[in-house]
Amino acid sequence: MATISEIIRLNTLWNAGGPNGRRADLSGVDLSGANLYGANLSGANLSGADLSRANLSGADLRSVTHAELALAAISHLPEGDVIGWKKCRDGVIVKLKIPAKARRSHGTSRKCRAEFVKVLGVYDCEGNTIKTATSRHNPDVKYEKGMTVYPDSWDEDRWNECSHGIHFFITREEAEAHN
């Protein structure tokens, strides 16, 4: 099989109408953790591809249907309790437990949302345990170890990534890097 970069290069040619181009068929391919930043995936077949932990920032996903993305294994949220990480004001990081019974959502990026979370720990920029964190987007929402935190409301639409819910990432590194 051709390399991923070669498949993307040929897909870019195909999108431009080039004679040597070919639509990318990445169906069923393990792309977990792949750096697809800025990749031209327009029109690519991603059905059944494992996109968990893939960096799709800036990727061109035009003409990739929601149905194809839904068929891709982008669900990086396993069943059961999940540990998540959230960046709050002043770079404070919060470790969260997303209980199995909490509804959760994600679209095509690594940002996730939960119906409610339990705070497991609060850490300053140096990794020291601190008492309280404040939401970056709502100063009325506080996080303290042991608390269960609820958003003002919940949006069921998984494609609406920046909607209502408690936002979090699966890894601490992703939360720390989030702007």
Protein backbone atom coordinates (compact mmCIF):
# COMPACT_ATOMS: atom_id res chain seq x y z
CA MET A 1 0.00 0.00 0.00
CA ALA A 2 1.15 3.53 -0.72
CA THR A 3 2.14 5.77 2.18
CA ILE A 4 -0.48 8.04 3.70
CA SER A 5 1.38 11.11 2.43
CA GLU A 6 1.37 9.66 -1.12
CA ILE A 7 -2.35 8.86 -0.89
CA ILE A 8 -3.03 12.44 0.23
CA ARG A 9 -0.79 13.83 -2.53
CA LEU A 10 -2.73 11.84 -5.15
CA ASN A 11 -6.02 12.95 -3.57
CA THR A 12 -4.92 16.59 -3.91
CA LEU A 13 -4.19 15.98 -7.61
CA TRP A 14 -7.56 14.23 -8.02
CA ASN A 15 -9.35 17.21 -6.47
CA ALA A 16 -7.53 19.54 -8.86
CA GLY A 17 -8.60 17.40 -11.84
CA GLY A 18 -5.07 16.22 -12.52
CA PRO A 19 -4.69 13.17 -14.80
CA ASN A 20 -2.52 11.28 -12.30
CA GLY A 21 -4.71 12.01 -9.31
CA ARG A 22 -6.77 9.42 -7.48
CA ARG A 23 -9.49 9.72 -4.83
CA ALA A 24 -8.11 8.71 -1.45
CA ASP A 25 -9.53 5.44 -0.21
CA LEU A 26 -8.67 5.28 3.46
CA SER A 27 -11.60 3.07 4.39
CA GLY A 28 -10.68 0.82 7.28
CA VAL A 29 -7.16 2.27 7.57
CA ASP A 30 -5.65 2.76 11.03
CA LEU A 31 -4.94 6.50 11.17
CA SER A 32 -4.96 6.63 14.97
CA GLY A 33 -2.54 9.28 16.16
CA ALA A 34 -1.69 10.35 12.59
CA ASN A 35 -0.68 13.96 12.01
CA LEU A 36 -3.11 14.97 9.27
CA TYR A 37 -2.71 18.68 9.95
CA GLY A 38 -3.71 20.62 6.83
CA ALA A 39 -4.17 17.43 4.78
CA ASN A 40 -6.36 17.63 1.69
CA LEU A 41 -8.88 14.89 2.45
CA SER A 42 -11.64 16.45 0.37
CA GLY A 43 -13.70 13.65 -1.14
CA ALA A 44 -11.68 10.95 0.60
CA ASN A 45 -13.41 7.71 1.63
CA LEU A 46 -12.89 7.54 5.40
CA SER A 47 -15.55 4.93 6.18
CA GLY A 48 -14.32 2.68 8.97
CA ALA A 49 -10.99 4.50 9.31
CA ASP A 50 -9.65 4.77 12.85
CA LEU A 51 -9.17 8.51 13.38
CA SER A 52 -8.81 8.34 17.15
CA ARG A 53 -6.12 10.76 18.38
CA ALA A 54 -5.53 11.92 14.77
CA ASN A 55 -4.71 15.60 14.34
CA LEU A 56 -7.28 16.85 11.80
CA SER A 57 -6.65 20.53 12.49
CA GLY A 58 -6.85 22.49 9.26
CA ALA A 59 -7.60 19.34 7.25
CA ASP A 60 -9.83 19.84 4.21
CA LEU A 61 -12.80 17.52 4.79
CA ARG A 62 -15.08 19.03 2.16
CA SER A 63 -17.13 16.44 0.31
CA VAL A 64 -16.53 13.95 3.12
CA THR A 65 -20.05 13.29 4.32
CA HIS A 66 -21.08 13.24 7.96
CA ALA A 67 -22.20 9.67 7.28
CA GLU A 68 -18.66 8.69 6.25
CA LEU A 69 -17.19 10.41 9.28
CA ALA A 70 -19.74 8.75 11.51
CA LEU A 71 -18.69 5.40 10.08
CA ALA A 72 -15.06 6.22 10.78
CA ALA A 73 -13.94 5.06 14.18
CA ILE A 74 -13.50 8.58 15.53
CA SER A 75 -15.16 7.71 18.78
CA HIS A 76 -12.25 8.16 21.12
CA LEU A 77 -14.67 8.03 24.05
CA PRO A 78 -14.86 4.51 25.40
CA GLU A 79 -17.82 3.20 27.35
CA GLY A 80 -17.71 3.36 31.12
CA ASP A 81 -16.08 6.01 33.24
CA VAL A 82 -13.59 8.16 31.33
CA ILE A 83 -10.81 10.40 32.60
CA GLY A 84 -10.72 13.81 30.92
CA TRP A 85 -8.76 17.04 31.25
CA LYS A 86 -9.90 20.64 31.06
CA LYS A 87 -7.99 23.92 30.82
CA CYS A 88 -9.41 26.71 32.97
CA ARG A 89 -8.44 30.34 33.55
CA ASP A 90 -4.78 31.18 34.15
CA GLY A 91 -3.69 27.87 32.64
CA VAL A 92 -5.09 25.86 35.53
CA ILE A 93 -5.69 22.21 34.58
CA VAL A 94 -8.55 20.15 35.97
CA LYS A 95 -8.61 16.35 36.01
CA LEU A 96 -12.16 15.07 35.50
CA LYS A 97 -14.02 11.82 35.72
CA ILE A 98 -16.76 11.59 33.13
CA PRO A 99 -19.11 9.04 34.70
CA ALA A 100 -20.47 6.23 32.55
CA LYS A 101 -24.02 7.56 33.00
CA ALA A 102 -23.10 11.07 31.78
CA ARG A 103 -24.02 11.75 28.17
CA ARG A 104 -20.96 12.69 26.15
CA SER A 105 -20.26 13.96 22.71
CA HIS A 106 -17.56 14.81 20.20
CA GLY A 107 -17.52 15.73 16.55
CA THR A 108 -14.48 15.30 14.35
CA SER A 109 -11.90 16.92 16.60
CA ARG A 110 -10.42 15.89 19.92
CA LYS A 111 -12.57 18.35 21.88
CA CYS A 112 -15.33 16.56 23.78
CA ARG A 113 -18.34 17.56 25.86
CA ALA A 114 -20.04 15.91 28.83
CA GLU A 115 -23.43 16.31 30.48
CA PHE A 116 -21.70 16.47 33.87
CA VAL A 117 -18.30 15.66 35.38
CA LYS A 118 -16.73 14.90 38.75
CA VAL A 119 -13.58 16.86 39.62
CA LEU A 120 -10.67 14.59 40.58
CA GLY A 121 -7.98 17.24 40.91
CA VAL A 122 -7.03 20.86 40.19
CA TYR A 123 -3.45 21.81 39.23
CA ASP A 124 -1.59 25.06 38.59
CA CYS A 125 0.82 25.59 35.67
CA GLU A 126 3.65 23.91 37.59
CA GLY A 127 1.54 20.85 38.38
CA ASN A 128 0.97 21.74 42.04
CA THR A 129 -2.39 20.83 43.56
CA ILE A 130 -4.56 23.88 44.17
CA LYS A 131 -8.05 24.32 45.59
CA THR A 132 -10.17 25.95 42.87
CA ALA A 133 -10.30 26.58 39.13
CA THR A 134 -12.59 28.94 37.24
CA SER A 135 -14.03 28.23 33.79
CA ARG A 136 -12.43 30.23 30.98
CA HIS A 137 -15.83 30.89 29.43
CA ASN A 138 -18.12 31.31 32.44
CA PRO A 139 -16.70 32.90 35.60
CA ASP A 140 -19.63 31.50 37.60
CA VAL A 141 -18.50 27.90 36.99
CA LYS A 142 -15.94 26.69 39.52
CA TYR A 143 -14.10 23.38 39.79
CA GLU A 144 -13.00 21.94 43.16
CA LYS A 145 -11.84 18.41 43.96
CA GLY A 146 -14.83 16.20 44.79
CA MET A 147 -17.42 18.47 43.15
CA THR A 148 -19.82 17.33 40.47
CA VAL A 149 -20.13 20.10 37.88
CA TYR A 150 -23.10 20.57 35.54
CA PRO A 151 -23.32 22.90 32.53
CA ASP A 152 -26.18 25.37 32.10
CA SER A 153 -27.69 22.97 29.53
CA TRP A 154 -26.83 20.04 27.24
CA ASP A 155 -26.86 19.84 23.43
CA GLU A 156 -27.36 16.36 21.91
CA ASP A 157 -25.96 17.40 18.49
CA ARG A 158 -22.50 15.84 18.38
CA TRP A 159 -21.51 17.93 15.35
CA ASN A 160 -22.04 21.12 17.36
CA GLU A 161 -18.70 20.82 19.16
CA CYS A 162 -18.69 24.26 20.78
CA SER A 163 -22.16 23.94 22.24
CA HIS A 164 -23.54 23.36 25.74
CA GLY A 165 -21.80 20.87 28.00
CA ILE A 166 -18.60 20.61 30.01
CA HIS A 167 -15.75 20.70 27.48
CA PHE A 168 -12.75 18.45 27.98
CA PHE A 169 -9.95 16.53 26.25
CA ILE A 170 -8.84 12.92 26.69
CA THR A 171 -5.21 13.79 27.45
CA ARG A 172 -3.70 16.39 29.72
CA GLU A 173 -1.34 17.45 26.93
CA GLU A 174 -4.28 18.31 24.66
CA ALA A 175 -5.96 20.33 27.40
CA GLU A 176 -2.74 22.21 28.17
CA ALA A 177 -2.24 23.02 24.47
CA HIS A 178 -5.82 24.24 24.00
CA ASN A 179 -6.14 27.98 23.44
